[in-house]
Amino acid sequence: MSWRDKIAAVLAGKIGGPTPGGIHVYHSSPHDFDRFENRLLTGEGANVYGAGTYLAENPRVSGQGGTYWNQFLDRMEGPDRVGGGRLRALDFDRAKAIESAQRDVTDWRNKAVPADPAYAAKMLKMREDELRLLESGAPVGPRTYEVNFKAKPEQLLDWDKPLKQQPQVLDTIRDRFVYPFKPEETGASVYTGFVSYPYGMPGTTRDRAKQIISDKLGEAGIPGIRYLDEGSRVPPPSPLAQALMNRAKQANPELEQFKPTHNYVAFDPSKLDIMAKYGVIGGVPLGASVVQDNYGSQ
C-alpha cells in the first residue's frame, strides 16, 4: 500500500485518541502553515470551550470532509473552493475530479456562440484555473493537519467531569490557585469561575479573560481542555436501541462507533507537532518524507 493510500485510509474515518507519545488529533484550517502559532483569540467557535487551538479526535469533526472542513470550504474563493467542492462531490477521488474538470473545460471551449460571451469567458477561465490546480498535485481546499498533541488525557481539564474524577488536575488546582471551588464541580464550572475574575477587571473582554486563564493553567501544568464532541453528546437511546447496542458491543467491543470521542483545546501551540498536512489525497505540502515517516514508505 502506498503512502497516499494510507493517507486515504486515515481520512476515511480512522479515529485518533491517546497514544504512547501524546494524543492523535486532527485540525482543519483555511490557512496553510508549517507550525502552530499562538492564535488564542482567532479560533473558530468563539472560544466557547476556552482560549486555545481547537483539535478533534474524530476526523468527521475536523478532518478532510468533516464539519469544520466544510465550513471553511464555503468561505474560500477561486480554484480552491471550486476544486474542493468537486473533490467533495466525488468522494475525494482526485483522478475522477481531474477527469470531470477536463470535461467541463472541453464543454466550455466547444460551446456555440454564447448568448453572453463575457460570462462564458469567465466560466472557461474558472474551470481552466481549477483544472490546473487539480493537475498540479498541490493541496486543494481547506488544509487538514494530522497532529500529535504532546499531552496525556489525565493532565487535561475535562470539561464534562467533576474535579473529584480528575485527581491530577484537582491536585494542581489546589496547589496553584486560590479559588473557592468544590470537588463536585465540573471542569466547565471551574474554568468559567476562573474566567469571571479577570473578566471583572476594567477594560478586559471575555475573550481576553479566557486567554489569561488558559495561560495561567498552562503555566501550572494543565496543557489544555478536553470535552465530548457533539456526536458524543446524543440523547440517551430508547431501551430497545440500548439493548441492541449492548449486544453489538459485546460481540465486538472495539467498534469505534460505540466509543465517545473528544475535542481538545491546546493552550500552548509548542505542544502541537504536525505529523502530516494535506489539502486533498495526493497533495502533501510537507513532502513525502514526512508522511512516510509516519505511515511507512511505498
Protein backbone atom coordinates (compact mmCIF):
# COMPACT_ATOMS: atom_id res chain seq x y z
CA MET A 1 0.00 0.00 0.00
CA SER A 2 1.44 3.38 -0.96
CA TRP A 3 1.69 6.28 1.50
CA ARG A 4 -1.07 8.07 -0.40
CA ASP A 5 -3.36 5.08 0.03
CA LYS A 6 -2.56 5.08 3.73
CA ILE A 7 -3.44 8.77 3.98
CA ALA A 8 -6.74 7.97 2.29
CA ALA A 9 -7.39 5.28 4.88
CA VAL A 10 -6.75 7.74 7.71
CA LEU A 11 -9.05 10.34 6.21
CA ALA A 12 -11.76 7.75 5.57
CA GLY A 13 -12.55 7.74 9.27
CA LYS A 14 -9.72 6.49 11.48
CA ILE A 15 -10.40 7.98 14.89
CA GLY A 16 -7.47 9.33 16.87
CA GLY A 17 -7.02 9.47 20.61
CA PRO A 18 -4.35 8.82 23.24
CA THR A 19 -1.08 7.22 22.08
CA PRO A 20 2.18 6.48 23.92
CA GLY A 21 3.59 9.77 22.65
CA GLY A 22 0.60 12.05 23.15
CA ILE A 23 -2.89 12.41 21.65
CA HIS A 24 -3.53 11.82 17.95
CA VAL A 25 -5.86 14.57 16.69
CA TYR A 26 -6.97 16.45 13.56
CA HIS A 27 -7.24 20.13 12.74
CA SER A 28 -8.80 21.77 9.67
CA SER A 29 -7.98 25.29 8.58
CA PRO A 30 -8.30 27.57 5.56
CA HIS A 31 -4.69 28.60 6.25
CA ASP A 32 -1.52 26.90 5.10
CA PHE A 33 1.24 26.79 7.73
CA ASP A 34 4.09 24.54 8.85
CA ARG A 35 3.76 25.03 12.60
CA PHE A 36 1.11 26.16 15.05
CA GLU A 37 1.40 29.62 16.49
CA ASN A 38 -0.45 31.38 19.27
CA ARG A 39 -3.87 32.16 17.79
CA LEU A 40 -5.79 32.17 21.05
CA LEU A 41 -8.20 34.90 20.01
CA THR A 42 -8.72 33.94 16.37
CA GLY A 43 -10.05 30.39 16.58
CA GLU A 44 -13.38 29.08 15.39
CA GLY A 45 -16.33 28.66 17.71
CA ALA A 46 -15.90 31.92 19.66
CA ASN A 47 -13.64 30.14 22.17
CA VAL A 48 -16.69 28.54 23.76
CA TYR A 49 -14.61 25.84 25.45
CA GLY A 50 -11.72 28.11 26.36
CA ALA A 51 -8.99 30.01 24.58
CA GLY A 52 -6.55 27.92 22.58
CA THR A 53 -6.13 25.82 19.45
CA TYR A 54 -9.06 23.51 18.77
CA LEU A 55 -8.49 19.91 17.67
CA ALA A 56 -10.56 16.74 17.35
CA GLU A 57 -10.03 13.01 17.74
CA ASN A 58 -12.71 12.30 15.17
CA PRO A 59 -11.85 13.25 11.56
CA ARG A 60 -15.57 13.66 10.92
CA VAL A 61 -15.34 16.73 13.13
CA SER A 62 -12.14 18.33 11.87
CA GLY A 63 -10.65 16.02 9.25
CA GLN A 64 -10.95 16.23 5.48
CA GLY A 65 -14.63 16.47 4.58
CA GLY A 66 -15.53 16.93 8.25
CA THR A 67 -17.73 19.58 9.80
CA TYR A 68 -15.13 22.33 10.04
CA TRP A 69 -13.53 21.42 6.71
CA ASN A 70 -16.88 22.01 5.01
CA GLN A 71 -17.44 25.30 6.82
CA PHE A 72 -14.03 26.57 5.72
CA LEU A 73 -14.57 25.45 2.13
CA ASP A 74 -17.76 27.50 1.91
CA ARG A 75 -15.75 30.63 2.78
CA MET A 76 -12.99 30.09 0.24
CA GLU A 77 -12.84 31.59 -3.23
CA GLY A 78 -11.42 30.76 -6.65
CA PRO A 79 -9.96 27.38 -7.67
CA ASP A 80 -9.65 26.22 -4.06
CA ARG A 81 -13.38 26.48 -3.49
CA VAL A 82 -14.45 25.13 -6.88
CA GLY A 83 -11.93 22.31 -6.88
CA GLY A 84 -12.61 21.45 -3.26
CA GLY A 85 -16.32 21.22 -3.97
CA ARG A 86 -15.73 18.94 -6.95
CA LEU A 87 -13.48 16.68 -4.87
CA ARG A 88 -16.04 16.51 -2.09
CA ALA A 89 -18.76 15.55 -4.57
CA LEU A 90 -16.54 12.76 -5.93
CA ASP A 91 -15.54 11.32 -2.54
CA PHE A 92 -12.08 12.94 -2.77
CA ASP A 93 -11.04 10.83 -5.73
CA ARG A 94 -8.56 13.21 -7.38
CA ALA A 95 -8.33 11.28 -10.65
CA LYS A 96 -12.10 11.42 -11.08
CA ALA A 97 -12.09 15.11 -10.20
CA ILE A 98 -9.48 15.82 -12.89
CA GLU A 99 -11.47 13.89 -15.49
CA SER A 100 -14.63 15.75 -14.53
CA ALA A 101 -12.88 19.14 -14.69
CA GLN A 102 -11.36 18.28 -18.09
CA ARG A 103 -14.83 17.54 -19.46
CA ASP A 104 -16.10 20.87 -18.18
CA VAL A 105 -13.20 22.75 -19.77
CA THR A 106 -13.81 20.99 -23.09
CA ASP A 107 -17.52 21.75 -22.94
CA TRP A 108 -16.93 25.46 -22.33
CA ARG A 109 -14.32 25.64 -25.08
CA ASN A 110 -16.59 23.96 -27.61
CA LYS A 111 -19.75 25.89 -26.88
CA ALA A 112 -21.50 27.51 -29.78
CA VAL A 113 -21.58 31.29 -29.84
CA PRO A 114 -22.78 32.03 -26.30
CA ALA A 115 -25.52 34.49 -25.53
CA ASP A 116 -23.20 36.18 -23.02
CA PRO A 117 -19.57 35.97 -24.26
CA ALA A 118 -18.17 37.71 -21.18
CA TYR A 119 -19.83 35.21 -18.85
CA ALA A 120 -18.68 32.27 -20.99
CA ALA A 121 -15.09 33.54 -20.94
CA LYS A 122 -15.24 33.94 -17.16
CA MET A 123 -16.56 30.41 -16.69
CA LEU A 124 -13.93 28.95 -19.01
CA LYS A 125 -11.13 30.68 -17.12
CA MET A 126 -12.52 29.48 -13.77
CA ARG A 127 -12.64 25.88 -15.00
CA GLU A 128 -9.16 26.12 -16.50
CA ASP A 129 -7.75 27.51 -13.24
CA GLU A 130 -9.45 24.72 -11.30
CA LEU A 131 -8.10 22.06 -13.66
CA ARG A 132 -4.55 23.41 -13.38
CA LEU A 133 -4.76 23.29 -9.60
CA LEU A 134 -6.14 19.75 -9.58
CA GLU A 135 -3.49 18.54 -12.03
CA SER A 136 -0.66 20.23 -10.11
CA GLY A 137 -0.86 17.83 -7.17
CA ALA A 138 -0.96 20.79 -4.78
CA PRO A 139 -3.45 20.90 -1.91
CA VAL A 140 -6.97 21.96 -2.78
CA GLY A 141 -9.49 23.50 -0.41
CA PRO A 142 -9.03 23.68 3.36
CA ARG A 143 -5.92 22.05 4.80
CA THR A 144 -6.17 19.06 7.09
CA TYR A 145 -3.46 18.69 9.70
CA GLU A 146 -2.79 15.44 11.48
CA VAL A 147 -1.32 16.44 14.82
CA ASN A 148 0.34 14.96 17.87
CA PHE A 149 -0.78 16.87 20.97
CA LYS A 150 2.07 16.27 23.40
CA ALA A 151 -0.07 15.74 26.48
CA LYS A 152 -1.78 12.98 28.42
CA PRO A 153 -5.57 12.94 28.96
CA GLU A 154 -5.16 12.92 32.75
CA GLN A 155 -3.22 16.20 32.55
CA LEU A 156 -6.09 18.00 30.83
CA LEU A 157 -9.03 19.77 32.43
CA ASP A 158 -12.01 17.60 31.48
CA TRP A 159 -14.92 19.91 30.73
CA ASP A 160 -17.58 17.28 31.41
CA LYS A 161 -16.33 15.52 34.54
CA PRO A 162 -16.34 16.67 38.16
CA LEU A 163 -12.90 17.55 39.55
CA LYS A 164 -13.03 14.66 42.01
CA GLN A 165 -12.80 12.36 39.00
CA GLN A 166 -9.71 14.25 37.79
CA PRO A 167 -7.23 13.73 40.66
CA GLN A 168 -4.15 15.08 38.89
CA VAL A 169 -5.93 18.26 37.79
CA LEU A 170 -7.59 18.64 41.19
CA ASP A 171 -4.22 18.46 42.96
CA THR A 172 -2.72 21.02 40.55
CA ILE A 173 -5.55 23.49 41.09
CA ARG A 174 -5.45 23.06 44.87
CA ASP A 175 -1.70 23.70 44.90
CA ARG A 176 -1.55 26.62 42.46
CA PHE A 177 -4.85 28.52 42.64
CA VAL A 178 -6.86 30.28 45.30
CA TYR A 179 -10.44 29.64 44.27
CA PRO A 180 -13.50 28.54 46.29
CA PHE A 181 -14.33 25.52 44.13
CA LYS A 182 -15.87 22.24 45.19
CA PRO A 183 -14.55 18.84 44.03
CA GLU A 184 -18.06 18.08 42.75
CA GLU A 185 -17.83 20.93 40.24
CA THR A 186 -17.20 20.05 36.61
CA GLY A 187 -14.24 21.31 34.64
CA ALA A 188 -16.61 23.63 32.78
CA SER A 189 -17.76 25.20 36.03
CA VAL A 190 -14.22 25.65 37.30
CA TYR A 191 -12.91 27.21 34.08
CA THR A 192 -15.89 29.56 33.88
CA GLY A 193 -15.39 30.52 37.50
CA PHE A 194 -11.73 31.29 36.90
CA VAL A 195 -12.61 33.45 33.89
CA SER A 196 -15.00 35.54 35.97
CA TYR A 197 -12.08 37.01 37.94
CA PRO A 198 -10.08 38.74 35.18
CA TYR A 199 -13.31 39.45 33.28
CA GLY A 200 -14.33 41.70 36.14
CA MET A 201 -11.26 43.87 35.63
CA PRO A 202 -11.84 47.20 33.80
CA GLY A 203 -11.27 47.00 30.05
CA THR A 204 -10.91 43.20 29.95
CA THR A 205 -13.09 41.40 27.40
CA ARG A 206 -14.31 37.86 27.98
CA ASP A 207 -12.00 36.58 25.25
CA ARG A 208 -9.04 38.28 26.92
CA ALA A 209 -10.08 36.82 30.29
CA LYS A 210 -10.16 33.34 28.76
CA GLN A 211 -6.71 33.88 27.31
CA ILE A 212 -5.38 34.92 30.72
CA ILE A 213 -6.84 31.82 32.39
CA SER A 214 -5.64 29.47 29.65
CA ASP A 215 -2.14 30.89 30.03
CA LYS A 216 -2.26 30.52 33.83
CA LEU A 217 -3.49 26.93 33.64
CA GLY A 218 -0.79 26.11 31.11
CA GLU A 219 1.90 27.59 33.36
CA ALA A 220 0.56 25.46 36.23
CA GLY A 221 0.99 22.26 34.21
CA ILE A 222 -2.50 21.85 32.75
CA PRO A 223 -1.82 21.94 28.98
CA GLY A 224 -5.40 22.16 27.78
CA ILE A 225 -9.03 21.13 27.92
CA ARG A 226 -10.87 18.15 26.55
CA TYR A 227 -14.61 17.89 26.03
CA LEU A 228 -17.03 15.48 24.40
CA ASP A 229 -17.75 16.37 20.79
CA GLU A 230 -21.29 16.99 19.60
CA GLY A 231 -21.63 13.46 18.21
CA SER A 232 -20.90 12.06 21.66
CA ARG A 233 -23.50 14.26 23.37
CA VAL A 234 -26.50 12.45 21.92
CA PRO A 235 -29.68 11.94 23.98
CA PRO A 236 -30.00 8.56 25.74
CA PRO A 237 -31.26 5.88 23.31
CA SER A 238 -34.53 4.06 23.79
CA PRO A 239 -34.40 0.84 25.88
CA LEU A 240 -34.63 -1.30 22.72
CA ALA A 241 -31.88 0.66 20.94
CA GLN A 242 -29.70 0.45 24.06
CA ALA A 243 -30.21 -3.31 24.25
CA LEU A 244 -29.19 -3.72 20.61
CA MET A 245 -26.13 -1.52 21.13
CA ASN A 246 -25.11 -3.55 24.19
CA ARG A 247 -25.33 -6.78 22.20
CA ALA A 248 -23.24 -5.26 19.42
CA LYS A 249 -20.65 -4.03 21.92
CA GLN A 250 -20.38 -7.48 23.48
CA ALA A 251 -19.89 -9.03 20.04
CA ASN A 252 -17.22 -6.51 19.07
CA PRO A 253 -16.13 -4.20 21.91
CA GLU A 254 -13.56 -2.48 19.66
CA LEU A 255 -16.11 -0.96 17.29
CA GLU A 256 -15.25 2.74 17.15
CA GLN A 257 -18.81 3.94 16.64
CA PHE A 258 -19.61 2.94 20.23
CA LYS A 259 -16.78 4.96 21.74
CA PRO A 260 -17.37 8.59 22.70
CA THR A 261 -14.82 10.93 21.13
CA HIS A 262 -13.36 14.18 22.37
CA ASN A 263 -12.33 17.56 21.09
CA TYR A 264 -9.39 19.38 22.61
CA VAL A 265 -8.21 22.91 23.33
CA ALA A 266 -4.41 23.21 23.46
CA PHE A 267 -3.20 26.23 25.42
CA ASP A 268 0.42 26.12 24.20
CA PRO A 269 0.99 25.73 20.43
CA SER A 270 4.51 24.41 21.06
CA LYS A 271 2.87 21.20 22.28
CA LEU A 272 1.41 20.57 18.82
CA ASP A 273 3.54 18.68 16.31
CA ILE A 274 2.26 18.48 12.73
CA MET A 275 2.68 14.86 11.66
CA ALA A 276 1.17 15.30 8.20
CA LYS A 277 -0.55 18.03 6.24
CA TYR A 278 -2.79 17.62 3.24
CA GLY A 279 -5.44 19.53 1.38
CA VAL A 280 -6.62 16.50 -0.52
CA ILE A 281 -5.39 12.99 -1.09
CA GLY A 282 -2.37 13.29 -3.34
CA GLY A 283 -1.22 16.67 -2.07
CA VAL A 284 1.21 16.67 0.84
CA PRO A 285 2.97 20.04 1.06
CA LEU A 286 5.32 18.97 3.84
CA GLY A 287 6.82 16.38 1.49
CA ALA A 288 6.50 12.64 1.09
CA SER A 289 9.31 12.01 3.58
CA VAL A 290 7.20 13.46 6.41
CA VAL A 291 4.27 11.22 5.55
CA GLN A 292 6.46 8.18 5.03
CA ASP A 293 7.97 8.64 8.47
CA ASN A 294 4.51 8.13 9.92
CA TYR A 295 2.89 5.71 7.52
CA GLY A 296 5.82 3.83 6.00
CA SER A 297 7.28 4.10 2.52
CA GLN A 298 5.84 2.70 -0.67
